[in-house]
PDB file of all heavy atoms in Angstrom:
ATOM      1  N   TRP A   1      -0.525  -7.291  -4.252  1.00  0.00           N
ATOM      2  CA  TRP A   1      -1.416  -6.208  -3.808  1.00  0.00           C
ATOM      3  C   TRP A   1      -0.908  -4.837  -4.238  1.00  0.00           C
ATOM      4  O   TRP A   1      -1.693  -3.990  -4.686  1.00  0.00           O
ATOM      5  CB  TRP A   1      -1.620  -6.262  -2.288  1.00  0.00           C
ATOM      6  CG  TRP A   1      -0.390  -6.002  -1.454  1.00  0.00           C
ATOM      7  CD1 TRP A   1       0.510  -6.941  -1.016  1.00  0.00           C
ATOM      8  CD2 TRP A   1       0.080  -4.739  -0.958  1.00  0.00           C
ATOM      9  NE1 TRP A   1       1.510  -6.352  -0.280  1.00  0.00           N
ATOM     10  CE2 TRP A   1       1.271  -5.002  -0.225  1.00  0.00           C
ATOM     11  CE3 TRP A   1      -0.373  -3.431  -1.059  1.00  0.00           C
ATOM     12  CZ2 TRP A   1       2.008  -3.983   0.395  1.00  0.00           C
ATOM     13  CZ3 TRP A   1       0.347  -2.418  -0.438  1.00  0.00           C
ATOM     14  CH2 TRP A   1       1.531  -2.689   0.282  1.00  0.00           C
ATOM     15  N   LEU A   2       0.388  -4.630  -4.110  1.00  0.00           N
ATOM     16  CA  LEU A   2       0.942  -3.317  -4.437  1.00  0.00           C
ATOM     17  C   LEU A   2       0.880  -3.055  -5.938  1.00  0.00           C
ATOM     18  O   LEU A   2       0.493  -1.954  -6.376  1.00  0.00           O
ATOM     19  CB  LEU A   2       2.384  -3.226  -3.934  1.00  0.00           C
ATOM     20  CG  LEU A   2       3.060  -1.861  -4.037  1.00  0.00           C
ATOM     21  CD1 LEU A   2       2.297  -0.809  -3.239  1.00  0.00           C
ATOM     22  CD2 LEU A   2       4.501  -1.948  -3.539  1.00  0.00           C
ATOM     23  N   GLU A   3       1.222  -4.046  -6.723  1.00  0.00           N
ATOM     24  CA  GLU A   3       1.173  -3.900  -8.177  1.00  0.00           C
ATOM     25  C   GLU A   3      -0.264  -3.676  -8.651  1.00  0.00           C
ATOM     26  O   GLU A   3      -0.508  -2.885  -9.576  1.00  0.00           O
ATOM     27  CB  GLU A   3       1.762  -5.144  -8.854  1.00  0.00           C
ATOM     28  CG  GLU A   3       3.245  -5.349  -8.638  1.00  0.00           C
ATOM     29  CD  GLU A   3       3.596  -5.906  -7.255  1.00  0.00           C
ATOM     30  OE1 GLU A   3       2.677  -6.308  -6.506  1.00  0.00           O
ATOM     31  OE2 GLU A   3       4.802  -5.914  -6.927  1.00  0.00           O
ATOM     32  N   THR A   4      -1.212  -4.353  -7.995  1.00  0.00           N
ATOM     33  CA  THR A   4      -2.627  -4.172  -8.356  1.00  0.00           C
ATOM     34  C   THR A   4      -3.093  -2.757  -8.055  1.00  0.00           C
ATOM     35  O   THR A   4      -3.764  -2.119  -8.879  1.00  0.00           O
ATOM     36  CB  THR A   4      -3.499  -5.192  -7.611  1.00  0.00           C
ATOM     37  OG1 THR A   4      -3.114  -6.518  -7.992  1.00  0.00           O
ATOM     38  CG2 THR A   4      -4.971  -4.990  -7.919  1.00  0.00           C
ATOM     39  N   ALA A   5      -2.723  -2.247  -6.880  1.00  0.00           N
ATOM     40  CA  ALA A   5      -3.109  -0.880  -6.517  1.00  0.00           C
ATOM     41  C   ALA A   5      -2.539   0.123  -7.518  1.00  0.00           C
ATOM     42  O   ALA A   5      -3.238   1.064  -7.940  1.00  0.00           O
ATOM     43  CB  ALA A   5      -2.640  -0.560  -5.102  1.00  0.00           C
ATOM     44  N   ARG A   6      -1.316  -0.076  -7.913  1.00  0.00           N
ATOM     45  CA  ARG A   6      -0.693   0.845  -8.874  1.00  0.00           C
ATOM     46  C   ARG A   6      -1.341   0.713 -10.252  1.00  0.00           C
ATOM     47  O   ARG A   6      -1.570   1.717 -10.941  1.00  0.00           O
ATOM     48  CB  ARG A   6       0.802   0.586  -8.947  1.00  0.00           C
ATOM     49  CG  ARG A   6       1.540   0.871  -7.638  1.00  0.00           C
ATOM     50  CD  ARG A   6       3.025   0.622  -7.736  1.00  0.00           C
ATOM     51  NE  ARG A   6       3.683   1.597  -8.610  1.00  0.00           N
ATOM     52  CZ  ARG A   6       4.987   1.611  -8.864  1.00  0.00           C
ATOM     53  NH1 ARG A   6       5.774   0.696  -8.321  1.00  0.00           N
ATOM     54  NH2 ARG A   6       5.507   2.517  -9.654  1.00  0.00           N
ATOM     55  N   ALA A   7      -1.630  -0.516 -10.681  1.00  0.00           N
ATOM     56  CA  ALA A   7      -2.237  -0.722 -11.997  1.00  0.00           C
ATOM     57  C   ALA A   7      -3.626  -0.098 -12.079  1.00  0.00           C
ATOM     58  O   ALA A   7      -4.058   0.330 -13.163  1.00  0.00           O
ATOM     59  CB  ALA A   7      -2.321  -2.215 -12.302  1.00  0.00           C
ATOM     60  N   LEU A   8      -4.322  -0.046 -10.939  1.00  0.00           N
ATOM     61  CA  LEU A   8      -5.659   0.543 -10.889  1.00  0.00           C
ATOM     62  C   LEU A   8      -5.615   2.061 -10.708  1.00  0.00           C
ATOM     63  O   LEU A   8      -6.665   2.695 -10.607  1.00  0.00           O
ATOM     64  CB  LEU A   8      -6.464  -0.088  -9.752  1.00  0.00           C
ATOM     65  CG  LEU A   8      -6.874  -1.549  -9.959  1.00  0.00           C
ATOM     66  CD1 LEU A   8      -7.352  -2.165  -8.651  1.00  0.00           C
ATOM     67  CD2 LEU A   8      -7.948  -1.648 -11.031  1.00  0.00           C
ATOM     68  N   GLY A   9      -4.420   2.628 -10.681  1.00  0.00           N
ATOM     69  CA  GLY A   9      -4.299   4.064 -10.500  1.00  0.00           C
ATOM     70  C   GLY A   9      -4.763   4.535  -9.142  1.00  0.00           C
ATOM     71  O   GLY A   9      -5.256   5.666  -9.009  1.00  0.00           O
ATOM     72  N   CYS A  10      -4.609   3.684  -8.125  1.00  0.00           N
ATOM     73  CA  CYS A  10      -5.071   4.041  -6.788  1.00  0.00           C
ATOM     74  C   CYS A  10      -4.189   5.131  -6.173  1.00  0.00           C
ATOM     75  O   CYS A  10      -3.006   5.253  -6.505  1.00  0.00           O
ATOM     76  CB  CYS A  10      -5.057   2.817  -5.873  1.00  0.00           C
ATOM     77  SG  CYS A  10      -6.328   1.589  -6.280  1.00  0.00           S
ATOM     78  N   VAL A  11      -4.798   5.901  -5.292  1.00  0.00           N
ATOM     79  CA  VAL A  11      -4.050   6.889  -4.521  1.00  0.00           C
ATOM     80  C   VAL A  11      -3.803   6.402  -3.098  1.00  0.00           C
ATOM     81  O   VAL A  11      -3.026   7.008  -2.358  1.00  0.00           O
ATOM     82  CB  VAL A  11      -4.780   8.247  -4.475  1.00  0.00           C
ATOM     83  CG1 VAL A  11      -4.974   8.795  -5.872  1.00  0.00           C
ATOM     84  CG2 VAL A  11      -6.131   8.128  -3.745  1.00  0.00           C
ATOM     85  N   ALA A  12      -4.465   5.302  -2.701  1.00  0.00           N
ATOM     86  CA  ALA A  12      -4.368   4.830  -1.319  1.00  0.00           C
ATOM     87  C   ALA A  12      -4.564   3.328  -1.253  1.00  0.00           C
ATOM     88  O   ALA A  12      -5.161   2.706  -2.141  1.00  0.00           O
ATOM     89  CB  ALA A  12      -5.410   5.524  -0.447  1.00  0.00           C
ATOM     90  N   VAL A  13      -4.050   2.757  -0.162  1.00  0.00           N
ATOM     91  CA  VAL A  13      -4.342   1.385   0.235  1.00  0.00           C
ATOM     92  C   VAL A  13      -4.958   1.463   1.617  1.00  0.00           C
ATOM     93  O   VAL A  13      -4.454   2.165   2.496  1.00  0.00           O
ATOM     94  CB  VAL A  13      -3.072   0.511   0.237  1.00  0.00           C
ATOM     95  CG1 VAL A  13      -3.380  -0.876   0.767  1.00  0.00           C
ATOM     96  CG2 VAL A  13      -2.480   0.428  -1.158  1.00  0.00           C
ATOM     97  N   VAL A  14      -6.069   0.752   1.788  1.00  0.00           N
ATOM     98  CA  VAL A  14      -6.814   0.781   3.054  1.00  0.00           C
ATOM     99  C   VAL A  14      -6.757  -0.621   3.646  1.00  0.00           C
ATOM    100  O   VAL A  14      -7.398  -1.542   3.134  1.00  0.00           O
ATOM    101  CB  VAL A  14      -8.268   1.228   2.843  1.00  0.00           C
ATOM    102  CG1 VAL A  14      -8.958   1.442   4.183  1.00  0.00           C
ATOM    103  CG2 VAL A  14      -8.330   2.494   1.993  1.00  0.00           C
ATOM    104  N   CYS A  15      -5.970  -0.786   4.709  1.00  0.00           N
ATOM    105  CA  CYS A  15      -5.674  -2.110   5.253  1.00  0.00           C
ATOM    106  C   CYS A  15      -6.367  -2.366   6.579  1.00  0.00           C
ATOM    107  O   CYS A  15      -6.567  -1.447   7.384  1.00  0.00           O
ATOM    108  CB  CYS A  15      -4.172  -2.260   5.500  1.00  0.00           C
ATOM    109  SG  CYS A  15      -3.205  -2.644   4.040  1.00  0.00           S
ATOM    110  N   ASN A  16      -6.660  -3.642   6.816  1.00  0.00           N
ATOM    111  CA  ASN A  16      -6.896  -4.086   8.183  1.00  0.00           C
ATOM    112  C   ASN A  16      -5.725  -3.593   9.031  1.00  0.00           C
ATOM    113  O   ASN A  16      -4.561  -3.737   8.641  1.00  0.00           O
ATOM    114  CB  ASN A  16      -6.966  -5.614   8.214  1.00  0.00           C
ATOM    115  CG  ASN A  16      -7.225  -6.172   9.591  1.00  0.00           C
ATOM    116  OD1 ASN A  16      -6.510  -5.873  10.547  1.00  0.00           O
ATOM    117  ND2 ASN A  16      -8.246  -6.998   9.699  1.00  0.00           N
ATOM    118  N   GLN A  17      -6.049  -3.002  10.176  1.00  0.00           N
ATOM    119  CA  GLN A  17      -5.023  -2.323  10.976  1.00  0.00           C
ATOM    120  C   GLN A  17      -3.828  -3.201  11.313  1.00  0.00           C
ATOM    121  O   GLN A  17      -2.701  -2.696  11.423  1.00  0.00           O
ATOM    122  CB  GLN A  17      -5.644  -1.807  12.273  1.00  0.00           C
ATOM    123  CG  GLN A  17      -6.269  -2.898  13.140  1.00  0.00           C
ATOM    124  CD  GLN A  17      -6.676  -2.388  14.492  1.00  0.00           C
ATOM    125  OE1 GLN A  17      -5.931  -1.667  15.143  1.00  0.00           O
ATOM    126  NE2 GLN A  17      -7.864  -2.755  14.942  1.00  0.00           N
ATOM    127  N   THR A  18      -4.028  -4.506  11.430  1.00  0.00           N
ATOM    128  CA  THR A  18      -2.936  -5.395  11.826  1.00  0.00           C
ATOM    129  C   THR A  18      -1.903  -5.578  10.717  1.00  0.00           C
ATOM    130  O   THR A  18      -0.798  -6.057  10.975  1.00  0.00           O
ATOM    131  CB  THR A  18      -3.476  -6.769  12.233  1.00  0.00           C
ATOM    132  OG1 THR A  18      -4.152  -7.367  11.109  1.00  0.00           O
ATOM    133  CG2 THR A  18      -4.463  -6.654  13.390  1.00  0.00           C
ATOM    134  N   LEU A  19      -2.254  -5.204   9.489  1.00  0.00           N
ATOM    135  CA  LEU A  19      -1.339  -5.404   8.361  1.00  0.00           C
ATOM    136  C   LEU A  19      -0.280  -4.321   8.244  1.00  0.00           C
ATOM    137  O   LEU A  19       0.729  -4.514   7.562  1.00  0.00           O
ATOM    138  CB  LEU A  19      -2.136  -5.462   7.054  1.00  0.00           C
ATOM    139  CG  LEU A  19      -3.201  -6.554   6.946  1.00  0.00           C
ATOM    140  CD1 LEU A  19      -3.894  -6.481   5.597  1.00  0.00           C
ATOM    141  CD2 LEU A  19      -2.604  -7.942   7.168  1.00  0.00           C
ATOM    142  N   TRP A  20      -0.516  -3.189   8.892  1.00  0.00           N
ATOM    143  CA  TRP A  20       0.464  -2.113   8.793  1.00  0.00           C
ATOM    144  C   TRP A  20       1.608  -2.312   9.774  1.00  0.00           C
ATOM    145  O   TRP A  20       1.395  -2.482  10.968  1.00  0.00           O
ATOM    146  CB  TRP A  20      -0.185  -0.757   9.051  1.00  0.00           C
ATOM    147  CG  TRP A  20      -1.088  -0.250   7.967  1.00  0.00           C
ATOM    148  CD1 TRP A  20      -2.367   0.201   8.103  1.00  0.00           C
ATOM    149  CD2 TRP A  20      -0.773  -0.090   6.580  1.00  0.00           C
ATOM    150  NE1 TRP A  20      -2.872   0.608   6.900  1.00  0.00           N
ATOM    151  CE2 TRP A  20      -1.913   0.449   5.943  1.00  0.00           C
ATOM    152  CE3 TRP A  20       0.360  -0.359   5.810  1.00  0.00           C
ATOM    153  CZ2 TRP A  20      -1.951   0.719   4.569  1.00  0.00           C
ATOM    154  CZ3 TRP A  20       0.322  -0.086   4.445  1.00  0.00           C
ATOM    155  CH2 TRP A  20      -0.823   0.444   3.844  1.00  0.00           C
ATOM    156  N   ASP A  21       2.815  -2.317   9.230  1.00  0.00           N
ATOM    157  CA  ASP A  21       4.022  -2.263  10.041  1.00  0.00           C
ATOM    158  C   ASP A  21       5.018  -1.397   9.269  1.00  0.00           C
ATOM    159  O   ASP A  21       4.679  -0.832   8.209  1.00  0.00           O
ATOM    160  CB  ASP A  21       4.582  -3.659  10.337  1.00  0.00           C
ATOM    161  CG  ASP A  21       4.879  -4.480   9.093  1.00  0.00           C
ATOM    162  OD1 ASP A  21       5.063  -3.884   7.996  1.00  0.00           O
ATOM    163  OD2 ASP A  21       4.943  -5.715   9.195  1.00  0.00           O
ATOM    164  N   ALA A  22       6.208  -1.265   9.770  1.00  0.00           N
ATOM    165  CA  ALA A  22       7.172  -0.376   9.123  1.00  0.00           C
ATOM    166  C   ALA A  22       7.420  -0.779   7.669  1.00  0.00           C
ATOM    167  O   ALA A  22       7.555   0.076   6.786  1.00  0.00           O
ATOM    168  CB  ALA A  22       8.484  -0.368   9.908  1.00  0.00           C
ATOM    169  N   SER A  23       7.453  -2.083   7.406  1.00  0.00           N
ATOM    170  CA  SER A  23       7.743  -2.562   6.056  1.00  0.00           C
ATOM    171  C   SER A  23       6.597  -2.267   5.096  1.00  0.00           C
ATOM    172  O   SER A  23       6.817  -1.744   3.993  1.00  0.00           O
ATOM    173  CB  SER A  23       8.013  -4.068   6.087  1.00  0.00           C
ATOM    174  OG  SER A  23       8.152  -4.579   4.777  1.00  0.00           O
ATOM    175  N   SER A  24       5.359  -2.602   5.468  1.00  0.00           N
ATOM    176  CA  SER A  24       4.234  -2.404   4.552  1.00  0.00           C
ATOM    177  C   SER A  24       3.966  -0.918   4.322  1.00  0.00           C
ATOM    178  O   SER A  24       3.636  -0.504   3.199  1.00  0.00           O
ATOM    179  CB  SER A  24       2.978  -3.111   5.065  1.00  0.00           C
ATOM    180  OG  SER A  24       2.656  -2.705   6.383  1.00  0.00           O
ATOM    181  N   VAL A  25       4.125  -0.102   5.371  1.00  0.00           N
ATOM    182  CA  VAL A  25       3.964   1.343   5.192  1.00  0.00           C
ATOM    183  C   VAL A  25       5.015   1.875   4.222  1.00  0.00           C
ATOM    184  O   VAL A  25       4.711   2.676   3.324  1.00  0.00           O
ATOM    185  CB  VAL A  25       4.030   2.077   6.547  1.00  0.00           C
ATOM    186  CG1 VAL A  25       4.154   3.584   6.352  1.00  0.00           C
ATOM    187  CG2 VAL A  25       2.795   1.764   7.383  1.00  0.00           C
ATOM    188  N   MET A  26       6.243   1.422   4.379  1.00  0.00           N
ATOM    189  CA  MET A  26       7.317   1.885   3.495  1.00  0.00           C
ATOM    190  C   MET A  26       7.038   1.466   2.054  1.00  0.00           C
ATOM    191  O   MET A  26       7.241   2.263   1.123  1.00  0.00           O
ATOM    192  CB  MET A  26       8.662   1.334   3.947  1.00  0.00           C
ATOM    193  CG  MET A  26       9.828   1.824   3.087  1.00  0.00           C
ATOM    194  SD  MET A  26      11.414   1.109   3.590  1.00  0.00           S
ATOM    195  CE  MET A  26      11.171  -0.603   3.132  1.00  0.00           C
ATOM    196  N   GLN A  27       6.565   0.230   1.850  1.00  0.00           N
ATOM    197  CA  GLN A  27       6.255  -0.226   0.497  1.00  0.00           C
ATOM    198  C   GLN A  27       5.187   0.645  -0.153  1.00  0.00           C
ATOM    199  O   GLN A  27       5.316   1.065  -1.309  1.00  0.00           O
ATOM    200  CB  GLN A  27       5.777  -1.680   0.527  1.00  0.00           C
ATOM    201  CG  GLN A  27       6.843  -2.701   0.854  1.00  0.00           C
ATOM    202  CD  GLN A  27       6.262  -4.099   0.868  1.00  0.00           C
ATOM    203  OE1 GLN A  27       5.886  -4.642  -0.177  1.00  0.00           O
ATOM    204  NE2 GLN A  27       6.134  -4.675   2.050  1.00  0.00           N
ATOM    205  N   ALA A  28       4.126   0.909   0.597  1.00  0.00           N
ATOM    206  CA  ALA A  28       3.029   1.695   0.045  1.00  0.00           C
ATOM    207  C   ALA A  28       3.472   3.122  -0.252  1.00  0.00           C
ATOM    208  O   ALA A  28       3.221   3.664  -1.343  1.00  0.00           O
ATOM    209  CB  ALA A  28       1.842   1.684   1.008  1.00  0.00           C
ATOM    210  N   LYS A  29       4.161   3.728   0.703  1.00  0.00           N
ATOM    211  CA  LYS A  29       4.540   5.135   0.524  1.00  0.00           C
ATOM    212  C   LYS A  29       5.618   5.285  -0.543  1.00  0.00           C
ATOM    213  O   LYS A  29       5.642   6.288  -1.267  1.00  0.00           O
ATOM    214  CB  LYS A  29       4.975   5.730   1.862  1.00  0.00           C
ATOM    215  CG  LYS A  29       3.829   5.780   2.863  1.00  0.00           C
ATOM    216  CD  LYS A  29       3.958   6.914   3.847  1.00  0.00           C
ATOM    217  CE  LYS A  29       2.644   7.098   4.593  1.00  0.00           C
ATOM    218  NZ  LYS A  29       2.616   8.317   5.405  1.00  0.00           N
ATOM    219  N   SER A  30       6.483   4.300  -0.671  1.00  0.00           N
ATOM    220  CA  SER A  30       7.493   4.355  -1.730  1.00  0.00           C
ATOM    221  C   SER A  30       6.853   4.299  -3.111  1.00  0.00           C
ATOM    222  O   SER A  30       7.427   4.780  -4.089  1.00  0.00           O
ATOM    223  CB  SER A  30       8.488   3.207  -1.574  1.00  0.00           C
ATOM    224  OG  SER A  30       9.229   3.343  -0.386  1.00  0.00           O
ATOM    225  N   ALA A  31       5.662   3.708  -3.184  1.00  0.00           N
ATOM    226  CA  ALA A  31       4.921   3.640  -4.448  1.00  0.00           C
ATOM    227  C   ALA A  31       4.017   4.853  -4.639  1.00  0.00           C
ATOM    228  O   ALA A  31       3.242   4.900  -5.603  1.00  0.00           O
ATOM    229  CB  ALA A  31       4.086   2.362  -4.486  1.00  0.00           C
ATOM    230  N   GLY A  32       4.098   5.819  -3.725  1.00  0.00           N
ATOM    231  CA  GLY A  32       3.285   7.027  -3.844  1.00  0.00           C
ATOM    232  C   GLY A  32       1.880   6.885  -3.342  1.00  0.00           C
ATOM    233  O   GLY A  32       1.010   7.709  -3.660  1.00  0.00           O
TER     234      GLY A  32
END
């Protein structure tokens, strides 16, 4: 998912609320 978002030049990931935790937020934000 993260590699796909980056390959598509995305600025954001929009998740089902249950998917966000400290790890997934850190992964997304570390990728900008």
